[in-house]
């Protein structure tokens, strides 16, 4: 499920922008902070896709 969400966000520039706008707005409005707890700020990190390049590059190094 998480993989499908990351793929969907990466597939569209608008979804990507909306995702980061949601994080920014959520941090400003404290959406991620449970009531009665200290303020939580969600960092804006890039979502990681599959690591196919790593496997392919390792595979290519092993090829004669």
PDB file of N, CA and C in Angstrom:
ATOM      1  N   UNK A   1       0.824  -1.197   0.000  1.00  0.00           N
ATOM      2  CA  UNK A   1       0.000   0.000   0.000  1.00  0.00           C
ATOM      3  C   UNK A   1       0.868   1.261   0.000  1.00  0.00           C
ATOM      4  N   UNK A   2       1.869   1.304   0.861  1.00  0.00           N
ATOM      5  CA  UNK A   2       2.747   2.466   0.919  1.00  0.00           C
ATOM      6  C   UNK A   2       3.496   2.682  -0.379  1.00  0.00           C
ATOM      7  N   UNK A   3       3.937   1.582  -0.994  1.00  0.00           N
ATOM      8  CA  UNK A   3       4.647   1.663  -2.266  1.00  0.00           C
ATOM      9  C   UNK A   3       3.766   2.301  -3.327  1.00  0.00           C
ATOM     10  N   UNK A   4       2.510   1.903  -3.395  1.00  0.00           N
ATOM     11  CA  UNK A   4       1.576   2.439  -4.384  1.00  0.00           C
ATOM     12  C   UNK A   4       1.351   3.941  -4.172  1.00  0.00           C
ATOM     13  N   UNK A   5       1.320   4.366  -2.923  1.00  0.00           N
ATOM     14  CA  UNK A   5       1.137   5.794  -2.626  1.00  0.00           C
ATOM     15  C   UNK A   5       2.343   6.588  -3.095  1.00  0.00           C
ATOM     16  N   UNK A   6       3.543   6.094  -2.813  1.00  0.00           N
ATOM     17  CA  UNK A   6       4.766   6.786  -3.241  1.00  0.00           C
ATOM     18  C   UNK A   6       4.825   6.865  -4.763  1.00  0.00           C
ATOM     19  N   UNK A   7       4.493   5.767  -5.442  1.00  0.00           N
ATOM     20  CA  UNK A   7       4.502   5.756  -6.909  1.00  0.00           C
ATOM     21  C   UNK A   7       3.494   6.772  -7.447  1.00  0.00           C
ATOM     22  N   UNK A   8       2.308   6.837  -6.853  1.00  0.00           N
ATOM     23  CA  UNK A   8       1.276   7.776  -7.306  1.00  0.00           C
ATOM     24  C   UNK A   8       1.718   9.228  -7.109  1.00  0.00           C
ATOM     25  N   UNK A   9       2.367   9.513  -5.994  1.00  0.00           N
ATOM     26  CA  UNK A   9       2.835  10.887  -5.744  1.00  0.00           C
ATOM     27  C   UNK A   9       3.934  11.258  -6.731  1.00  0.00           C
ATOM     28  N   UNK A  10       4.839  10.328  -7.009  1.00  0.00           N
ATOM     29  CA  UNK A  10       5.924  10.600  -7.958  1.00  0.00           C
ATOM     30  C   UNK A  10       5.424  10.699  -9.398  1.00  0.00           C
ATOM     31  N   UNK A  11       4.299  10.097  -9.706  1.00  0.00           N
ATOM     32  CA  UNK A  11       3.798  10.067 -11.078  1.00  0.00           C
ATOM     33  C   UNK A  11       3.229  11.406 -11.527  1.00  0.00           C
ATOM     34  N   UNK A  12       2.941  12.285 -10.596  1.00  0.00           N
ATOM     35  CA  UNK A  12       2.296  13.544 -10.948  1.00  0.00           C
ATOM     36  C   UNK A  12       2.977  14.701 -10.220  1.00  0.00           C
ATOM     37  N   UNK A  13       3.366  15.709 -10.984  1.00  0.00           N
ATOM     38  CA  UNK A  13       3.953  16.905 -10.381  1.00  0.00           C
ATOM     39  C   UNK A  13       2.976  17.605  -9.448  1.00  0.00           C
ATOM     40  N   UNK A  14       1.694  17.614  -9.823  1.00  0.00           N
ATOM     41  CA  UNK A  14       0.686  18.251  -8.970  1.00  0.00           C
ATOM     42  C   UNK A  14       0.534  17.514  -7.641  1.00  0.00           C
ATOM     43  N   UNK A  15       0.508  16.180  -7.695  1.00  0.00           N
ATOM     44  CA  UNK A  15       0.408  15.404  -6.446  1.00  0.00           C
ATOM     45  C   UNK A  15       1.636  15.625  -5.575  1.00  0.00           C
ATOM     46  N   UNK A  16       2.793  15.681  -6.212  1.00  0.00           N
ATOM     47  CA  UNK A  16       4.047  15.907  -5.488  1.00  0.00           C
ATOM     48  C   UNK A  16       3.996  17.253  -4.772  1.00  0.00           C
ATOM     49  N   UNK A  17       3.593  18.293  -5.488  1.00  0.00           N
ATOM     50  CA  UNK A  17       3.478  19.630  -4.888  1.00  0.00           C
ATOM     51  C   UNK A  17       2.425  19.647  -3.777  1.00  0.00           C
ATOM     52  N   UNK A  18       1.285  19.017  -4.024  1.00  0.00           N
ATOM     53  CA  UNK A  18       0.223  18.962  -3.003  1.00  0.00           C
ATOM     54  C   UNK A  18       0.679  18.223  -1.755  1.00  0.00           C
ATOM     55  N   UNK A  19       1.460  17.166  -1.937  1.00  0.00           N
ATOM     56  CA  UNK A  19       1.973  16.407  -0.803  1.00  0.00           C
ATOM     57  C   UNK A  19       2.821  17.315   0.091  1.00  0.00           C
ATOM     58  N   UNK A  20       3.754  18.063  -0.525  1.00  0.00           N
ATOM     59  CA  UNK A  20       4.615  18.942   0.266  1.00  0.00           C
ATOM     60  C   UNK A  20       3.857  20.140   0.819  1.00  0.00           C
ATOM     61  N   UNK A  21       2.862  20.628   0.090  1.00  0.00           N
ATOM     62  CA  UNK A  21       2.027  21.706   0.627  1.00  0.00           C
ATOM     63  C   UNK A  21       1.229  21.227   1.839  1.00  0.00           C
ATOM     64  N   UNK A  22       0.764  19.985   1.802  1.00  0.00           N
ATOM     65  CA  UNK A  22       0.036  19.411   2.936  1.00  0.00           C
ATOM     66  C   UNK A  22       0.945  19.302   4.155  1.00  0.00           C
ATOM     67  N   UNK A  23       2.182  18.891   3.948  1.00  0.00           N
ATOM     68  CA  UNK A  23       3.134  18.823   5.065  1.00  0.00           C
ATOM     69  C   UNK A  23       3.370  20.218   5.640  1.00  0.00           C
ATOM     70  N   UNK A  24       3.595  21.202   4.765  1.00  0.00           N
ATOM     71  CA  UNK A  24       3.840  22.568   5.237  1.00  0.00           C
ATOM     72  C   UNK A  24       2.642  23.117   6.007  1.00  0.00           C
ATOM     73  N   UNK A  25       1.456  22.972   5.443  1.00  0.00           N
ATOM     74  CA  UNK A  25       0.246  23.468   6.091  1.00  0.00           C
ATOM     75  C   UNK A  25      -0.028  22.715   7.398  1.00  0.00           C
ATOM     76  N   UNK A  26       0.189  21.408   7.383  1.00  0.00           N
ATOM     77  CA  UNK A  26      -0.008  20.601   8.581  1.00  0.00           C
ATOM     78  C   UNK A  26       0.931  21.004   9.704  1.00  0.00           C
ATOM     79  N   UNK A  27       2.171  21.365   9.352  1.00  0.00           N
ATOM     80  CA  UNK A  27       3.111  21.830  10.370  1.00  0.00           C
ATOM     81  C   UNK A  27       2.671  23.170  10.949  1.00  0.00           C
ATOM     82  N   UNK A  28       2.171  24.065  10.097  1.00  0.00           N
ATOM     83  CA  UNK A  28       1.713  25.377  10.563  1.00  0.00           C
ATOM     84  C   UNK A  28       0.477  25.233  11.448  1.00  0.00           C
ATOM     85  N   UNK A  29      -0.444  24.350  11.063  1.00  0.00           N
ATOM     86  CA  UNK A  29      -1.713  24.204  11.790  1.00  0.00           C
ATOM     87  C   UNK A  29      -1.685  23.090  12.838  1.00  0.00           C
ATOM     88  N   UNK A  30      -0.503  22.497  13.069  1.00  0.00           N
ATOM     89  CA  UNK A  30      -0.330  21.437  14.075  1.00  0.00           C
ATOM     90  C   UNK A  30      -1.243  20.233  13.858  1.00  0.00           C
ATOM     91  N   UNK A  31      -1.459  19.850  12.602  1.00  0.00           N
ATOM     92  CA  UNK A  31      -2.295  18.698  12.289  1.00  0.00           C
ATOM     93  C   UNK A  31      -1.671  17.394  12.778  1.00  0.00           C
ATOM     94  N   UNK A  32      -0.355  17.353  12.903  1.00  0.00           N
ATOM     95  CA  UNK A  32       0.347  16.106  13.222  1.00  0.00           C
ATOM     96  C   UNK A  32       0.611  15.962  14.721  1.00  0.00           C
ATOM     97  N   UNK A  33       0.118  16.904  15.513  1.00  0.00           N
ATOM     98  CA  UNK A  33       0.346  16.897  16.950  1.00  0.00           C
ATOM     99  C   UNK A  33      -0.881  16.364  17.674  1.00  0.00           C
ATOM    100  N   UNK A  34      -0.747  15.224  18.360  1.00  0.00           N
ATOM    101  CA  UNK A  34      -1.881  14.728  19.151  1.00  0.00           C
ATOM    102  C   UNK A  34      -2.198  15.725  20.268  1.00  0.00           C
ATOM    103  N   UNK A  35      -3.459  15.854  20.620  1.00  0.00           N
ATOM    104  CA  UNK A  35      -3.849  16.834  21.640  1.00  0.00           C
ATOM    105  C   UNK A  35      -3.166  16.529  22.967  1.00  0.00           C
ATOM    106  N   UNK A  36      -2.685  17.572  23.612  1.00  0.00           N
ATOM    107  CA  UNK A  36      -2.042  17.444  24.904  1.00  0.00           C
ATOM    108  C   UNK A  36      -0.582  17.030  24.832  1.00  0.00           C
ATOM    109  N   UNK A  37      -0.019  16.891  23.635  1.00  0.00           N
ATOM    110  CA  UNK A  37       1.381  16.490  23.481  1.00  0.00           C
ATOM    111  C   UNK A  37       2.206  17.647  22.932  1.00  0.00           C
ATOM    112  N   UNK A  38       3.527  17.548  23.042  1.00  0.00           N
ATOM    113  CA  UNK A  38       4.372  18.602  22.452  1.00  0.00           C
ATOM    114  C   UNK A  38       4.157  18.698  20.936  1.00  0.00           C
ATOM    115  N   UNK A  39       4.437  19.862  20.389  1.00  0.00           N
ATOM    116  CA  UNK A  39       4.243  20.102  18.949  1.00  0.00           C
ATOM    117  C   UNK A  39       5.154  19.183  18.133  1.00  0.00           C
ATOM    118  N   UNK A  40       4.579  18.556  17.120  1.00  0.00           N
ATOM    119  CA  UNK A  40       5.310  17.686  16.210  1.00  0.00           C
ATOM    120  C   UNK A  40       5.438  18.395  14.875  1.00  0.00           C
ATOM    121  N   UNK A  41       6.649  18.444  14.352  1.00  0.00           N
ATOM    122  CA  UNK A  41       6.893  19.015  13.030  1.00  0.00           C
ATOM    123  C   UNK A  41       7.380  17.899  12.115  1.00  0.00           C
ATOM    124  N   UNK A  42       6.695  17.708  11.006  1.00  0.00           N
ATOM    125  CA  UNK A  42       7.061  16.672  10.044  1.00  0.00           C
ATOM    126  C   UNK A  42       8.074  17.265   9.070  1.00  0.00           C
ATOM    127  N   UNK A  43       9.259  16.650   8.938  1.00  0.00           N
ATOM    128  CA  UNK A  43      10.262  17.174   8.004  1.00  0.00           C
ATOM    129  C   UNK A  43       9.840  16.932   6.553  1.00  0.00           C
ATOM    130  N   UNK A  44      10.294  17.797   5.665  1.00  0.00           N
ATOM    131  CA  UNK A  44       9.976  17.672   4.241  1.00  0.00           C
ATOM    132  C   UNK A  44      11.112  16.925   3.544  1.00  0.00           C
ATOM    133  N   UNK A  45      11.055  15.588   3.596  1.00  0.00           N
ATOM    134  CA  UNK A  45      12.038  14.748   2.925  1.00  0.00           C
ATOM    135  C   UNK A  45      11.438  14.228   1.631  1.00  0.00           C
ATOM    136  N   UNK A  46      12.292  13.974   0.653  1.00  0.00           N
ATOM    137  CA  UNK A  46      11.826  13.357  -0.580  1.00  0.00           C
ATOM    138  C   UNK A  46      11.419  11.914  -0.295  1.00  0.00           C
ATOM    139  N   UNK A  47      10.370  11.461  -0.962  1.00  0.00           N
ATOM    140  CA  UNK A  47       9.949  10.074  -0.839  1.00  0.00           C
ATOM    141  C   UNK A  47      10.868   9.207  -1.682  1.00  0.00           C
ATOM    142  N   UNK A  48      11.293   8.101  -1.136  1.00  0.00           N
ATOM    143  CA  UNK A  48      12.208   7.204  -1.839  1.00  0.00           C
ATOM    144  C   UNK A  48      11.434   6.209  -2.685  1.00  0.00           C
ATOM    145  N   UNK A  49      11.876   6.054  -3.923  1.00  0.00           N
ATOM    146  CA  UNK A  49      11.284   5.048  -4.813  1.00  0.00           C
ATOM    147  C   UNK A  49      12.075   3.757  -4.680  1.00  0.00           C
ATOM    148  N   UNK A  50      11.721   2.793  -5.486  1.00  0.00           N
ATOM    149  CA  UNK A  50      12.440   1.528  -5.491  1.00  0.00           C
ATOM    150  C   UNK A  50      13.921   1.767  -5.758  1.00  0.00           C
ATOM    151  N   UNK A  51      14.740   0.892  -5.254  1.00  0.00           N
ATOM    152  CA  UNK A  51      16.188   1.002  -5.441  1.00  0.00           C
ATOM    153  C   UNK A  51      16.651   0.122  -6.590  1.00  0.00           C
ATOM    154  N   UNK A  52      15.926   0.148  -7.700  1.00  0.00           N
ATOM    155  CA  UNK A  52      16.275  -0.691  -8.842  1.00  0.00           C
ATOM    156  C   UNK A  52      17.664  -0.368  -9.366  1.00  0.00           C
ATOM    157  N   UNK A  53      18.036   0.914  -9.355  1.00  0.00           N
ATOM    158  CA  UNK A  53      19.348   1.303  -9.861  1.00  0.00           C
ATOM    159  C   UNK A  53      20.451   0.591  -9.095  1.00  0.00           C
ATOM    160  N   UNK A  54      20.296   0.495  -7.787  1.00  0.00           N
ATOM    161  CA  UNK A  54      21.332  -0.144  -6.982  1.00  0.00           C
ATOM    162  C   UNK A  54      21.496  -1.606  -7.398  1.00  0.00           C
ATOM    163  N   UNK A  55      20.385  -2.312  -7.540  1.00  0.00           N
ATOM    164  CA  UNK A  55      20.476  -3.712  -7.944  1.00  0.00           C
ATOM    165  C   UNK A  55      21.039  -3.821  -9.353  1.00  0.00           C
ATOM    166  N   UNK A  56      20.563  -2.992 -10.268  1.00  0.00           N
ATOM    167  CA  UNK A  56      21.039  -3.077 -11.643  1.00  0.00           C
ATOM    168  C   UNK A  56      22.522  -2.768 -11.732  1.00  0.00           C
ATOM    169  N   UNK A  57      22.989  -1.762 -10.980  1.00  0.00           N
ATOM    170  CA  UNK A  57      24.407  -1.431 -11.052  1.00  0.00           C
ATOM    171  C   UNK A  57      25.247  -2.564 -10.468  1.00  0.00           C
ATOM    172  N   UNK A  58      24.776  -3.204  -9.388  1.00  0.00           N
ATOM    173  CA  UNK A  58      25.500  -4.347  -8.821  1.00  0.00           C
ATOM    174  C   UNK A  58      25.487  -5.492  -9.818  1.00  0.00           C
ATOM    175  N   UNK A  59      24.350  -5.740 -10.421  1.00  0.00           N
ATOM    176  CA  UNK A  59      24.255  -6.808 -11.422  1.00  0.00           C
ATOM    177  C   UNK A  59      25.198  -6.539 -12.580  1.00  0.00           C
ATOM    178  N   UNK A  60      25.254  -5.290 -13.054  1.00  0.00           N
ATOM    179  CA  UNK A  60      26.130  -4.947 -14.176  1.00  0.00           C
ATOM    180  C   UNK A  60      27.606  -5.107 -13.813  1.00  0.00           C
ATOM    181  N   UNK A  61      27.971  -4.839 -12.569  1.00  0.00           N
ATOM    182  CA  UNK A  61      29.358  -5.010 -12.162  1.00  0.00           C
ATOM    183  C   UNK A  61      29.756  -6.482 -12.169  1.00  0.00           C
ATOM    184  N   UNK A  62      28.787  -7.371 -11.955  1.00  0.00           N
ATOM    185  CA  UNK A  62      29.070  -8.796 -11.908  1.00  0.00           C
ATOM    186  C   UNK A  62      29.112  -9.434 -13.305  1.00  0.00           C
ATOM    187  N   UNK A  63      28.560  -8.719 -14.277  1.00  0.00           N
ATOM    188  CA  UNK A  63      28.574  -9.230 -15.641  1.00  0.00           C
ATOM    189  C   UNK A  63      29.994  -9.168 -16.181  1.00  0.00           C
ATOM    190  N   UNK A  64      30.458 -10.229 -16.918  1.00  0.00           N
ATOM    191  CA  UNK A  64      31.827 -10.207 -17.480  1.00  0.00           C
ATOM    192  C   UNK A  64      31.967  -9.204 -18.591  1.00  0.00           C
TER     193      UNK A  64
END
